[in-house]
N, C-alpha and C. Protein backbone atom coordinates (compact mmCIF):
# COMPACT_ATOMS: atom_id res chain seq x y z
N MET A 1 99.33 -101.63 77.51
CA MET A 1 97.91 -101.81 77.70
C MET A 1 97.42 -103.11 77.09
N LYS A 2 97.97 -103.46 75.92
CA LYS A 2 97.56 -104.70 75.27
C LYS A 2 97.96 -105.91 76.12
N THR A 3 99.12 -105.81 76.76
CA THR A 3 99.58 -106.92 77.60
C THR A 3 98.61 -107.17 78.74
N ILE A 4 98.13 -106.12 79.36
CA ILE A 4 97.18 -106.26 80.46
C ILE A 4 95.89 -106.89 79.97
N THR A 5 95.43 -106.50 78.79
CA THR A 5 94.21 -107.06 78.22
C THR A 5 94.38 -108.55 77.95
N TYR A 6 95.51 -108.95 77.37
CA TYR A 6 95.75 -110.36 77.10
C TYR A 6 95.83 -111.16 78.39
N LEU A 7 96.51 -110.62 79.39
CA LEU A 7 96.60 -111.31 80.67
C LEU A 7 95.23 -111.45 81.32
N ALA A 8 94.41 -110.42 81.23
CA ALA A 8 93.07 -110.48 81.79
C ALA A 8 92.24 -111.57 81.12
N LEU A 9 92.38 -111.70 79.81
CA LEU A 9 91.66 -112.75 79.08
C LEU A 9 92.13 -114.14 79.49
N ILE A 10 93.42 -114.29 79.66
CA ILE A 10 93.97 -115.59 80.07
C ILE A 10 93.47 -115.96 81.45
N PHE A 11 93.56 -115.04 82.40
CA PHE A 11 93.11 -115.33 83.75
C PHE A 11 91.61 -115.56 83.80
N ALA A 12 90.85 -114.85 82.99
CA ALA A 12 89.40 -115.05 82.96
C ALA A 12 89.07 -116.43 82.44
N SER A 13 89.81 -116.92 81.46
CA SER A 13 89.53 -118.25 80.93
C SER A 13 89.79 -119.31 81.99
N PHE A 14 90.81 -119.10 82.83
CA PHE A 14 91.07 -120.05 83.91
C PHE A 14 90.04 -119.92 85.03
N ALA A 15 89.62 -118.71 85.31
CA ALA A 15 88.67 -118.48 86.39
C ALA A 15 87.31 -119.10 86.08
N PHE A 16 86.90 -119.05 84.82
CA PHE A 16 85.60 -119.58 84.46
C PHE A 16 85.65 -121.05 84.06
N ALA A 17 86.84 -121.63 84.04
CA ALA A 17 86.96 -123.05 83.75
C ALA A 17 86.46 -123.81 84.98
N SER A 18 85.46 -124.61 84.78
CA SER A 18 84.89 -125.33 85.90
C SER A 18 84.71 -126.79 85.49
N ALA A 19 84.00 -127.50 86.31
CA ALA A 19 83.74 -128.90 86.03
C ALA A 19 82.99 -129.02 84.70
N PRO A 20 83.24 -130.10 83.97
CA PRO A 20 82.52 -130.28 82.71
C PRO A 20 81.03 -130.50 82.95
N SER A 21 80.25 -130.25 81.92
CA SER A 21 78.81 -130.47 82.04
C SER A 21 78.53 -131.95 82.20
N GLU A 22 77.31 -132.26 82.60
CA GLU A 22 76.93 -133.67 82.79
C GLU A 22 77.09 -134.45 81.50
N GLU A 23 76.76 -133.82 80.38
CA GLU A 23 76.88 -134.49 79.09
C GLU A 23 78.34 -134.80 78.75
N GLU A 24 79.24 -133.86 79.02
CA GLU A 24 80.67 -134.08 78.76
C GLU A 24 81.26 -135.14 79.67
N ALA A 25 80.70 -135.27 80.88
CA ALA A 25 81.25 -136.20 81.87
C ALA A 25 80.78 -137.63 81.68
N LYS A 26 79.81 -137.84 80.80
CA LYS A 26 79.31 -139.20 80.57
C LYS A 26 80.22 -139.92 79.58
N PRO A 27 80.53 -141.20 79.86
CA PRO A 27 81.34 -141.96 78.90
C PRO A 27 80.58 -142.20 77.61
N LYS A 28 81.27 -142.09 76.50
CA LYS A 28 80.69 -142.40 75.19
C LYS A 28 81.02 -143.84 74.85
N ALA A 29 80.57 -144.30 73.71
CA ALA A 29 80.81 -145.68 73.29
C ALA A 29 82.31 -145.97 73.26
N GLY A 30 82.72 -147.03 73.91
CA GLY A 30 84.12 -147.44 73.93
C GLY A 30 84.96 -146.76 75.00
N GLU A 31 84.36 -145.85 75.78
CA GLU A 31 85.10 -145.15 76.83
C GLU A 31 84.82 -145.76 78.20
N ILE A 32 85.71 -145.47 79.13
CA ILE A 32 85.53 -145.91 80.50
C ILE A 32 85.52 -144.69 81.41
N GLU A 33 85.02 -144.89 82.62
CA GLU A 33 85.04 -143.85 83.64
C GLU A 33 85.68 -144.45 84.89
N LYS A 34 86.69 -143.80 85.39
CA LYS A 34 87.40 -144.28 86.59
C LYS A 34 87.50 -143.14 87.59
N ALA A 35 87.30 -143.45 88.86
CA ALA A 35 87.45 -142.47 89.93
C ALA A 35 88.50 -142.98 90.91
N GLY A 36 89.33 -142.06 91.40
CA GLY A 36 90.36 -142.47 92.34
C GLY A 36 91.16 -141.30 92.86
N PHE A 37 92.37 -141.59 93.26
CA PHE A 37 93.27 -140.63 93.89
C PHE A 37 94.23 -140.09 92.84
N LEU A 38 94.22 -138.78 92.62
CA LEU A 38 95.07 -138.16 91.60
C LEU A 38 96.42 -137.81 92.20
N THR A 39 97.48 -138.26 91.56
CA THR A 39 98.84 -137.95 91.97
C THR A 39 99.73 -137.95 90.74
N THR A 40 101.03 -137.91 90.94
CA THR A 40 101.96 -137.98 89.82
C THR A 40 102.59 -139.36 89.78
N GLU A 41 103.12 -139.72 88.63
CA GLU A 41 103.73 -141.04 88.47
C GLU A 41 104.91 -141.22 89.42
N ALA A 42 105.73 -140.19 89.61
CA ALA A 42 106.89 -140.28 90.50
C ALA A 42 106.46 -140.57 91.93
N CYS A 43 105.41 -139.92 92.40
CA CYS A 43 104.93 -140.15 93.76
C CYS A 43 104.29 -141.52 93.91
N ALA A 44 103.56 -141.96 92.89
CA ALA A 44 102.91 -143.27 92.95
C ALA A 44 103.96 -144.39 93.00
N GLN A 45 105.05 -144.24 92.24
CA GLN A 45 106.10 -145.26 92.25
C GLN A 45 106.77 -145.36 93.61
N LYS A 46 106.87 -144.23 94.31
CA LYS A 46 107.48 -144.22 95.64
C LYS A 46 106.49 -144.60 96.73
N GLY A 47 105.20 -144.63 96.41
CA GLY A 47 104.17 -144.90 97.41
C GLY A 47 103.86 -143.68 98.26
N GLU A 48 104.26 -142.50 97.83
CA GLU A 48 104.00 -141.26 98.55
C GLU A 48 102.77 -140.60 97.95
N PHE A 49 101.63 -140.85 98.54
CA PHE A 49 100.41 -140.30 97.97
C PHE A 49 100.05 -138.98 98.64
N VAL A 50 99.80 -138.98 99.93
CA VAL A 50 99.41 -137.76 100.62
C VAL A 50 100.61 -136.83 100.76
N ASP A 51 101.78 -137.37 100.98
CA ASP A 51 102.99 -136.56 101.18
C ASP A 51 103.75 -136.33 99.89
N CYS A 52 103.07 -136.33 98.77
CA CYS A 52 103.72 -136.16 97.48
C CYS A 52 104.35 -134.79 97.36
N ASN A 53 105.55 -134.74 96.84
CA ASN A 53 106.26 -133.49 96.61
C ASN A 53 105.64 -132.82 95.39
N LEU A 54 105.07 -131.66 95.57
CA LEU A 54 104.38 -130.98 94.48
C LEU A 54 105.31 -130.51 93.38
N GLN A 55 106.61 -130.55 93.60
CA GLN A 55 107.55 -130.18 92.54
C GLN A 55 107.56 -131.21 91.42
N THR A 56 107.01 -132.40 91.66
CA THR A 56 106.97 -133.42 90.61
C THR A 56 105.87 -133.17 89.60
N ILE A 57 104.98 -132.21 89.85
CA ILE A 57 103.83 -131.99 88.96
C ILE A 57 104.26 -131.66 87.54
N GLY A 58 105.17 -130.78 87.35
CA GLY A 58 105.59 -130.41 86.00
C GLY A 58 106.54 -131.41 85.36
N LYS A 59 107.14 -132.26 86.16
CA LYS A 59 108.18 -133.17 85.67
C LYS A 59 107.69 -134.60 85.47
N SER A 60 106.60 -134.96 86.08
CA SER A 60 106.10 -136.32 86.03
C SER A 60 104.64 -136.31 85.59
N PRO A 61 104.23 -137.24 84.74
CA PRO A 61 102.83 -137.26 84.29
C PRO A 61 101.87 -137.62 85.42
N PHE A 62 100.61 -137.26 85.23
CA PHE A 62 99.58 -137.58 86.20
C PHE A 62 99.24 -139.06 86.14
N VAL A 63 98.85 -139.62 87.30
CA VAL A 63 98.29 -140.96 87.37
C VAL A 63 97.06 -140.91 88.26
N LEU A 64 96.15 -141.84 88.02
CA LEU A 64 94.96 -141.97 88.85
C LEU A 64 95.04 -143.32 89.53
N TYR A 65 95.22 -143.31 90.84
CA TYR A 65 95.34 -144.56 91.60
C TYR A 65 93.95 -145.00 92.03
N ILE A 66 93.60 -146.24 91.67
CA ILE A 66 92.29 -146.80 92.01
C ILE A 66 92.50 -147.76 93.18
N HIS A 67 91.93 -147.43 94.33
CA HIS A 67 92.14 -148.21 95.55
C HIS A 67 91.66 -149.65 95.41
N ASP A 68 90.45 -149.83 94.88
CA ASP A 68 89.86 -151.17 94.78
C ASP A 68 90.66 -152.09 93.86
N GLU A 69 91.23 -151.54 92.81
CA GLU A 69 91.98 -152.34 91.84
C GLU A 69 93.46 -152.41 92.16
N ASP A 70 93.95 -151.52 93.02
CA ASP A 70 95.36 -151.40 93.36
C ASP A 70 96.21 -151.18 92.10
N ILE A 71 95.71 -150.29 91.23
CA ILE A 71 96.39 -149.96 89.97
C ILE A 71 96.50 -148.44 89.86
N ALA A 72 97.64 -147.98 89.39
CA ALA A 72 97.83 -146.56 89.09
C ALA A 72 97.80 -146.42 87.57
N TYR A 73 96.71 -145.88 87.05
CA TYR A 73 96.56 -145.68 85.61
C TYR A 73 97.32 -144.42 85.19
N LYS A 74 98.18 -144.53 84.20
CA LYS A 74 98.85 -143.36 83.63
C LYS A 74 97.80 -142.60 82.82
N LEU A 75 97.85 -141.27 82.89
CA LEU A 75 96.86 -140.46 82.19
C LEU A 75 97.51 -139.75 81.01
N ASP A 76 97.05 -140.09 79.81
CA ASP A 76 97.50 -139.44 78.58
C ASP A 76 96.60 -138.23 78.38
N MET A 77 97.16 -137.03 78.55
CA MET A 77 96.38 -135.79 78.53
C MET A 77 96.44 -135.06 77.20
N THR A 78 96.81 -135.73 76.11
CA THR A 78 96.96 -135.04 74.82
C THR A 78 95.65 -134.46 74.30
N ASN A 79 94.51 -135.05 74.63
CA ASN A 79 93.21 -134.55 74.14
C ASN A 79 92.41 -133.83 75.21
N ALA A 80 92.99 -133.58 76.37
CA ALA A 80 92.26 -132.95 77.47
C ALA A 80 93.09 -131.82 78.05
N THR A 81 92.42 -130.89 78.69
CA THR A 81 93.14 -129.83 79.37
C THR A 81 93.43 -130.28 80.79
N SER A 82 94.59 -129.92 81.28
CA SER A 82 95.00 -130.40 82.60
C SER A 82 95.04 -129.31 83.66
N TYR A 83 94.68 -128.06 83.33
CA TYR A 83 94.83 -127.00 84.32
C TYR A 83 93.90 -127.19 85.51
N THR A 84 92.77 -127.86 85.36
CA THR A 84 91.91 -128.12 86.52
C THR A 84 92.46 -129.23 87.39
N MET A 85 93.35 -130.02 86.86
CA MET A 85 93.90 -131.15 87.61
C MET A 85 94.94 -130.71 88.63
N PHE A 86 95.61 -129.58 88.39
CA PHE A 86 96.65 -129.14 89.30
C PHE A 86 96.12 -128.94 90.71
N GLU A 87 94.90 -128.46 90.84
CA GLU A 87 94.30 -128.25 92.15
C GLU A 87 93.93 -129.55 92.84
N ASP A 88 93.76 -130.63 92.10
CA ASP A 88 93.30 -131.89 92.66
C ASP A 88 94.41 -132.88 92.99
N VAL A 89 95.66 -132.54 92.73
CA VAL A 89 96.74 -133.46 93.06
C VAL A 89 96.74 -133.67 94.56
N GLY A 90 96.70 -134.93 94.96
CA GLY A 90 96.67 -135.27 96.38
C GLY A 90 95.26 -135.41 96.94
N LYS A 91 94.26 -135.37 96.06
CA LYS A 91 92.88 -135.52 96.50
C LYS A 91 92.27 -136.80 95.95
N ASN A 92 91.33 -137.33 96.68
CA ASN A 92 90.63 -138.53 96.28
C ASN A 92 89.27 -138.15 95.72
N GLY A 93 88.81 -138.84 94.68
CA GLY A 93 87.47 -138.63 94.16
C GLY A 93 87.40 -138.02 92.78
N GLY A 94 88.54 -137.66 92.20
CA GLY A 94 88.53 -137.14 90.84
C GLY A 94 88.20 -138.27 89.86
N LYS A 95 87.49 -137.93 88.78
CA LYS A 95 87.10 -138.93 87.78
C LYS A 95 87.68 -138.57 86.43
N VAL A 96 88.09 -139.59 85.70
CA VAL A 96 88.52 -139.41 84.32
C VAL A 96 87.60 -140.21 83.42
N VAL A 97 87.33 -139.67 82.25
CA VAL A 97 86.55 -140.34 81.22
C VAL A 97 87.43 -140.38 79.99
N GLY A 98 87.61 -141.58 79.44
CA GLY A 98 88.45 -141.71 78.27
C GLY A 98 88.55 -143.14 77.80
N ILE A 99 89.53 -143.39 76.95
CA ILE A 99 89.71 -144.71 76.34
C ILE A 99 90.88 -145.41 77.02
N LEU A 100 90.68 -146.67 77.39
CA LEU A 100 91.74 -147.46 77.98
C LEU A 100 92.68 -147.93 76.87
N VAL A 101 93.96 -147.58 77.00
CA VAL A 101 94.99 -147.95 76.04
C VAL A 101 95.91 -148.92 76.75
N GLY A 102 96.00 -150.13 76.24
CA GLY A 102 96.79 -151.14 76.95
C GLY A 102 96.05 -151.53 78.22
N LYS A 103 96.81 -151.85 79.25
CA LYS A 103 96.14 -152.23 80.49
C LYS A 103 96.31 -151.20 81.61
N ASP A 104 97.18 -150.19 81.41
CA ASP A 104 97.40 -149.25 82.50
C ASP A 104 97.48 -147.79 82.08
N THR A 105 96.97 -147.44 80.90
CA THR A 105 96.99 -146.06 80.44
C THR A 105 95.58 -145.67 79.98
N ILE A 106 95.15 -144.48 80.39
CA ILE A 106 93.86 -143.96 79.97
C ILE A 106 94.11 -142.69 79.15
N LYS A 107 93.62 -142.68 77.92
CA LYS A 107 93.69 -141.49 77.08
C LYS A 107 92.48 -140.63 77.47
N VAL A 108 92.73 -139.59 78.25
CA VAL A 108 91.67 -138.81 78.89
C VAL A 108 91.00 -137.86 77.91
N ARG A 109 89.66 -137.88 77.93
CA ARG A 109 88.87 -136.91 77.19
C ARG A 109 88.36 -135.83 78.13
N THR A 110 87.92 -136.24 79.32
CA THR A 110 87.36 -135.31 80.29
C THR A 110 87.83 -135.67 81.69
N TYR A 111 88.13 -134.64 82.47
CA TYR A 111 88.45 -134.82 83.88
C TYR A 111 87.40 -134.11 84.72
N VAL A 112 86.81 -134.84 85.67
CA VAL A 112 85.82 -134.28 86.58
C VAL A 112 86.50 -134.11 87.93
N PRO A 113 86.61 -132.88 88.43
CA PRO A 113 87.33 -132.65 89.69
C PRO A 113 86.69 -133.36 90.87
N ALA A 114 87.51 -133.59 91.89
CA ALA A 114 87.03 -134.20 93.12
C ALA A 114 86.04 -133.25 93.79
N PRO A 115 85.03 -133.79 94.48
CA PRO A 115 84.10 -132.91 95.18
C PRO A 115 84.83 -132.16 96.29
N PRO A 116 84.35 -130.98 96.65
CA PRO A 116 85.02 -130.22 97.70
C PRO A 116 84.93 -130.97 99.04
N GLU A 117 85.98 -130.79 99.83
CA GLU A 117 86.00 -131.46 101.13
C GLU A 117 84.95 -130.82 102.03
N THR A 118 84.33 -131.65 102.85
CA THR A 118 83.32 -131.14 103.77
C THR A 118 84.00 -130.53 104.98
N LYS A 119 83.43 -129.47 105.48
CA LYS A 119 83.95 -128.82 106.68
C LYS A 119 83.47 -129.63 107.90
N SER A 120 84.36 -129.76 108.85
CA SER A 120 83.96 -130.45 110.08
C SER A 120 84.23 -129.55 111.27
N PHE A 121 83.53 -129.80 112.33
CA PHE A 121 83.68 -129.01 113.54
C PHE A 121 84.16 -129.93 114.64
N PHE A 122 85.24 -129.55 115.30
CA PHE A 122 85.80 -130.36 116.38
C PHE A 122 85.41 -129.73 117.71
N LYS A 123 84.74 -130.49 118.57
CA LYS A 123 84.28 -129.95 119.85
C LYS A 123 85.13 -130.48 121.00
N GLY A 124 86.35 -130.93 120.74
CA GLY A 124 87.16 -131.53 121.77
C GLY A 124 87.56 -130.60 122.91
N CYS A 125 87.67 -129.32 122.66
CA CYS A 125 88.12 -128.38 123.69
C CYS A 125 86.97 -127.70 124.42
N MET A 126 85.77 -128.04 124.11
CA MET A 126 84.62 -127.35 124.74
C MET A 126 84.21 -128.03 126.01
């Protein structure tokens, strides 16, 4: 019975984990905010963004590819939770807020998930 209770608490914490508040998502002094395409380092090195093999998620660190800059920033997740990021791998529009370390690593404080994709209606067969 205790095991079921603990599992319920764990799943509830994940279920209620949502996007950070507006205050948490704002950069503080010395921090940057970057938005781009979330993938793994292994997929970014191969140039496989949309067709990324999801098996690399646990084995390769996350990177945020910025189209305008043509840079894949490595994401240091030691101070942030990454469970919301798993759903966003392969999506464009996720934002990270954190401190730039070196020229290609961001020490992430907050991750803001990509907005949901809009539904479209195709009338080609009508």
